[in-house]
């Protein structure tokens, strides 16, 4: 209750703060109704009070081409873990996947289509299915890791213990995020999150000359289906977004 009183007395009128106050008041009203000290109808009225809408999009962070190149060259590829981590970073920058999508990526997803490597039928956010072209350097990083680890089926990325030995059959999305955090810290990229590599993919592809709508297809954004219906777009496998990200593993 002291916390709620603090929120109500605050002179900060930013939308986020106002919505935080409303959330606290709603919880207080619900608890009061449950304990019989507020009329349930009145409590429901409190629940129905709308918060303040915010507009715009969070900018977030992204890496320049030089920074992205440095990041994927940071892992120690003389170790099994380093090879795995480089492959994770290469997939995130080269294909724009979410960390949860990287965690669920399997060898069955990687297939050849129209003389190039594709991540096929990946189920993403809100169960949307998409296929994403990947650059040769991303496929090479995956191959280096999988060949050394001697794995060729199931999940591509697996946990590795302190002895540099593989254990388990998968990785969590949090473990993927921790990989990004580790190498971002080594490179001095403050506040770089896993999702920022998805932004980096879009930023570098666009700066390299990729068509914006093709980037949307690779990312699987919510508006893609509408864009496809109106413009009759299809995935361009000849000039894919990832082709415009000119990185090298070494």
Protein backbone atom coordinates (compact mmCIF):
# COMPACT_ATOMS: atom_id res chain seq x y z
CA UNK A 1 0.00 0.00 0.00
CA UNK A 2 2.93 2.33 0.67
CA UNK A 3 4.14 1.65 -2.87
CA UNK A 4 0.69 2.47 -4.29
CA UNK A 5 0.60 5.66 -2.22
CA UNK A 6 4.00 6.59 -3.65
CA UNK A 7 2.74 6.08 -7.19
CA UNK A 8 -0.38 8.16 -6.60
CA UNK A 9 1.64 11.04 -5.15
CA UNK A 10 4.17 11.02 -7.98
CA UNK A 11 4.36 14.08 -10.21
CA UNK A 12 5.78 12.06 -13.10
CA UNK A 13 3.15 12.19 -15.84
CA UNK A 14 4.94 10.06 -18.42
CA UNK A 15 2.54 7.54 -20.02
CA UNK A 16 4.53 4.59 -18.66
CA UNK A 17 4.30 5.95 -15.12
CA UNK A 18 0.59 6.69 -15.41
CA UNK A 19 -0.05 3.16 -16.65
CA UNK A 20 2.00 1.78 -13.78
CA UNK A 21 -0.18 3.73 -11.34
CA UNK A 22 -3.34 2.43 -12.98
CA UNK A 23 -2.08 -1.15 -12.75
CA UNK A 24 -1.42 -0.75 -9.03
CA UNK A 25 -4.86 0.80 -8.46
CA UNK A 26 -6.54 -2.03 -10.38
CA UNK A 27 -4.79 -4.59 -8.20
CA UNK A 28 -5.80 -2.70 -5.07
CA UNK A 29 -9.43 -2.54 -6.21
CA UNK A 30 -9.47 -6.27 -7.00
CA UNK A 31 -8.02 -7.10 -3.57
CA UNK A 32 -10.48 -4.78 -1.86
CA UNK A 33 -13.39 -6.47 -3.64
CA UNK A 34 -12.09 -9.91 -2.72
CA UNK A 35 -11.97 -8.87 0.93
CA UNK A 36 -15.46 -7.37 0.91
CA UNK A 37 -14.41 -3.77 1.47
CA UNK A 38 -15.34 -2.54 -2.00
CA UNK A 39 -18.44 -3.11 -4.07
CA UNK A 40 -17.57 -5.63 -6.84
CA UNK A 41 -19.36 -3.48 -9.42
CA UNK A 42 -17.24 -0.48 -8.45
CA UNK A 43 -14.10 -2.61 -8.53
CA UNK A 44 -14.98 -3.78 -12.03
CA UNK A 45 -15.39 -0.16 -13.06
CA UNK A 46 -11.84 0.48 -11.87
CA UNK A 47 -10.64 -2.49 -13.92
CA UNK A 48 -12.25 -1.00 -17.02
CA UNK A 49 -10.35 2.30 -16.81
CA UNK A 50 -8.16 2.51 -19.90
CA UNK A 51 -4.46 3.31 -19.71
CA UNK A 52 -2.62 5.94 -21.71
CA UNK A 53 -1.78 4.87 -25.22
CA UNK A 54 1.79 5.38 -26.37
CA UNK A 55 2.86 5.92 -29.96
CA UNK A 56 6.07 5.29 -31.83
CA UNK A 57 8.51 2.40 -31.82
CA UNK A 58 11.42 1.72 -29.49
CA UNK A 59 14.59 2.44 -31.42
CA UNK A 60 16.73 -0.18 -29.72
CA UNK A 61 20.34 -0.84 -30.67
CA UNK A 62 22.08 -2.20 -33.72
CA UNK A 63 25.63 -2.74 -34.88
CA UNK A 64 27.47 -1.21 -37.78
CA UNK A 65 29.03 -3.52 -40.36
CA UNK A 66 32.43 -3.13 -38.71
CA UNK A 67 31.02 -3.86 -35.26
CA UNK A 68 29.08 -6.90 -36.49
CA UNK A 69 32.23 -8.21 -38.14
CA UNK A 70 34.11 -7.81 -34.88
CA UNK A 71 31.38 -9.55 -32.89
CA UNK A 72 31.30 -12.75 -34.97
CA UNK A 73 35.11 -12.93 -34.92
CA UNK A 74 35.31 -12.66 -31.13
CA UNK A 75 34.54 -16.30 -30.11
CA UNK A 76 37.58 -18.57 -29.71
CA UNK A 77 37.03 -21.05 -32.53
CA UNK A 78 39.78 -23.34 -31.27
CA UNK A 79 37.20 -24.52 -28.73
CA UNK A 80 33.90 -26.33 -29.25
CA UNK A 81 32.03 -23.62 -27.37
CA UNK A 82 33.63 -20.93 -29.48
CA UNK A 83 32.55 -22.64 -32.70
CA UNK A 84 29.02 -22.98 -31.37
CA UNK A 85 28.86 -19.38 -30.23
CA UNK A 86 30.19 -18.07 -33.54
CA UNK A 87 27.50 -20.08 -35.34
CA UNK A 88 24.81 -18.66 -33.06
CA UNK A 89 25.94 -15.09 -33.74
CA UNK A 90 26.19 -15.81 -37.48
CA UNK A 91 22.63 -17.15 -37.57
CA UNK A 92 21.26 -14.18 -35.65
CA UNK A 93 23.02 -11.56 -37.77
CA UNK A 94 22.76 -13.44 -41.07
CA UNK A 95 19.11 -14.47 -40.80
CA UNK A 96 17.55 -12.08 -38.29
CA UNK A 97 16.13 -14.81 -36.08
CA UNK A 98 14.68 -14.24 -32.64
CA UNK A 99 16.54 -15.96 -29.81
CA UNK A 100 13.64 -18.39 -29.31
CA UNK A 101 13.83 -19.28 -33.01
CA UNK A 102 17.57 -19.92 -32.74
CA UNK A 103 16.93 -22.22 -29.79
CA UNK A 104 14.40 -24.27 -31.78
CA UNK A 105 16.43 -24.39 -35.00
CA UNK A 106 17.03 -27.95 -36.23
CA UNK A 107 19.08 -29.51 -39.01
CA UNK A 108 15.82 -30.30 -40.83
CA UNK A 109 15.22 -26.56 -41.17
CA UNK A 110 18.39 -26.09 -43.24
CA UNK A 111 17.63 -27.08 -46.83
CA UNK A 112 18.74 -26.22 -50.36
CA UNK A 113 16.28 -24.25 -52.49
CA UNK A 114 17.01 -22.73 -55.90
CA UNK A 115 20.75 -23.34 -55.49
CA UNK A 116 21.00 -21.66 -52.11
CA UNK A 117 20.65 -22.53 -48.42
CA UNK A 118 17.36 -21.69 -46.72
CA UNK A 119 15.92 -22.00 -43.24
CA UNK A 120 12.68 -23.69 -44.28
CA UNK A 121 9.28 -23.51 -42.56
CA UNK A 122 10.42 -21.93 -39.32
CA UNK A 123 7.54 -21.40 -36.90
CA UNK A 124 7.94 -17.98 -35.33
CA UNK A 125 5.94 -15.55 -33.25
CA UNK A 126 2.19 -16.18 -33.14
CA UNK A 127 2.76 -19.45 -35.02
CA UNK A 128 3.61 -17.68 -38.26
CA UNK A 129 5.60 -19.87 -40.64
CA UNK A 130 8.31 -18.41 -42.85
CA UNK A 131 11.42 -19.43 -44.79
CA UNK A 132 14.60 -17.37 -44.59
CA UNK A 133 17.56 -17.39 -47.02
CA UNK A 134 20.92 -17.50 -45.26
CA UNK A 135 24.32 -16.32 -46.55
CA UNK A 136 27.18 -18.70 -47.26
CA UNK A 137 29.15 -17.49 -44.23
CA UNK A 138 26.29 -18.39 -41.89
CA UNK A 139 26.04 -21.88 -43.37
CA UNK A 140 29.83 -22.25 -43.08
CA UNK A 141 29.70 -21.31 -39.39
CA UNK A 142 26.95 -23.89 -38.78
CA UNK A 143 28.96 -26.55 -40.65
CA UNK A 144 32.16 -25.82 -38.72
CA UNK A 145 30.30 -26.22 -35.44
CA UNK A 146 28.26 -29.28 -36.35
CA UNK A 147 31.18 -31.12 -37.96
CA UNK A 148 33.44 -30.59 -34.95
CA UNK A 149 30.62 -31.49 -32.56
CA UNK A 150 29.70 -34.47 -34.76
CA UNK A 151 25.98 -33.72 -34.74
CA UNK A 152 23.82 -33.80 -37.83
CA UNK A 153 20.24 -34.17 -36.62
CA UNK A 154 17.95 -32.70 -34.00
CA UNK A 155 18.56 -29.24 -32.58
CA UNK A 156 21.55 -27.46 -34.08
CA UNK A 157 22.63 -25.73 -30.90
CA UNK A 158 23.40 -27.66 -27.70
CA UNK A 159 24.63 -26.86 -24.20
CA UNK A 160 28.36 -27.14 -23.50
CA UNK A 161 29.87 -27.60 -20.04
CA UNK A 162 32.94 -25.96 -18.51
CA UNK A 163 35.10 -28.78 -19.80
CA UNK A 164 34.15 -27.81 -23.36
CA UNK A 165 32.10 -30.97 -23.77
CA UNK A 166 28.62 -31.03 -25.24
CA UNK A 167 25.80 -31.99 -22.89
CA UNK A 168 22.09 -32.13 -23.50
CA UNK A 169 20.18 -31.97 -26.74
CA UNK A 170 19.26 -28.30 -26.91
CA UNK A 171 19.67 -24.78 -25.53
CA UNK A 172 17.18 -22.41 -23.94
CA UNK A 173 16.38 -19.02 -25.42
CA UNK A 174 17.93 -17.47 -22.30
CA UNK A 175 21.16 -19.35 -22.97
CA UNK A 176 21.14 -17.88 -26.50
CA UNK A 177 20.69 -14.41 -25.01
CA UNK A 178 23.59 -15.06 -22.62
CA UNK A 179 25.86 -15.88 -25.58
CA UNK A 180 25.11 -12.50 -27.14
CA UNK A 181 25.57 -10.72 -23.82
CA UNK A 182 28.94 -12.37 -23.24
CA UNK A 183 30.53 -11.34 -26.53
CA UNK A 184 28.87 -7.93 -26.55
CA UNK A 185 30.56 -7.26 -23.20
CA UNK A 186 33.93 -8.41 -24.54
CA UNK A 187 33.55 -6.07 -27.51
CA UNK A 188 32.39 -3.20 -25.31
CA UNK A 189 28.96 -2.96 -26.93
CA UNK A 190 26.97 -1.70 -23.94
CA UNK A 191 23.30 -2.65 -23.65
CA UNK A 192 23.35 -4.89 -26.73
CA UNK A 193 20.60 -7.49 -26.38
CA UNK A 194 19.86 -10.60 -28.43
CA UNK A 195 16.98 -8.85 -30.20
CA UNK A 196 19.36 -6.10 -31.29
CA UNK A 197 21.08 -8.59 -33.61
CA UNK A 198 17.71 -8.96 -35.35
CA UNK A 199 17.71 -5.18 -35.78
CA UNK A 200 21.30 -5.38 -36.98
CA UNK A 201 20.25 -7.86 -39.69
CA UNK A 202 17.60 -5.43 -40.95
CA UNK A 203 19.88 -2.39 -40.65
CA UNK A 204 22.82 -3.95 -42.51
CA UNK A 205 20.64 -5.53 -45.19
CA UNK A 206 18.84 -2.26 -45.85
CA UNK A 207 22.10 -0.27 -45.93
CA UNK A 208 23.49 -2.85 -48.33
CA UNK A 209 20.66 -2.21 -50.76
CA UNK A 210 18.13 -4.93 -49.95
CA UNK A 211 14.48 -4.31 -50.75
CA UNK A 212 12.57 -3.32 -47.61
CA UNK A 213 9.71 -5.68 -48.31
CA UNK A 214 12.10 -8.60 -48.70
CA UNK A 215 13.57 -7.77 -45.30
CA UNK A 216 10.05 -7.84 -43.85
CA UNK A 217 9.55 -11.29 -45.35
CA UNK A 218 12.75 -12.57 -43.77
CA UNK A 219 11.86 -11.10 -40.39
CA UNK A 220 8.28 -12.36 -40.52
CA UNK A 221 6.77 -9.15 -39.23
CA UNK A 222 3.02 -9.02 -38.60
CA UNK A 223 2.32 -6.86 -41.68
CA UNK A 224 3.96 -9.24 -44.14
CA UNK A 225 0.79 -11.20 -44.91
CA UNK A 226 -1.09 -8.01 -45.76
CA UNK A 227 1.81 -6.79 -47.89
CA UNK A 228 1.89 -10.08 -49.80
CA UNK A 229 -1.86 -9.99 -50.51
CA UNK A 230 -1.84 -6.42 -51.78
CA UNK A 231 1.44 -6.49 -53.72
CA UNK A 232 1.64 -10.19 -54.57
CA UNK A 233 5.14 -10.42 -53.09
CA UNK A 234 7.11 -13.62 -52.85
CA UNK A 235 10.49 -14.44 -51.31
CA UNK A 236 13.29 -13.34 -53.64
CA UNK A 237 15.90 -16.11 -53.52
CA UNK A 238 18.08 -14.46 -56.15
CA UNK A 239 18.75 -11.28 -54.19
CA UNK A 240 17.86 -12.10 -50.58
CA UNK A 241 18.33 -9.66 -47.66
CA UNK A 242 21.21 -11.67 -46.22
CA UNK A 243 23.17 -11.30 -49.51
CA UNK A 244 23.64 -7.64 -48.67
CA UNK A 245 25.43 -8.31 -45.37
CA UNK A 246 29.04 -8.62 -46.41
CA UNK A 247 30.70 -10.28 -43.42
CA UNK A 248 33.43 -12.91 -43.33
CA UNK A 249 34.15 -15.53 -40.70
CA UNK A 250 37.91 -14.99 -40.93
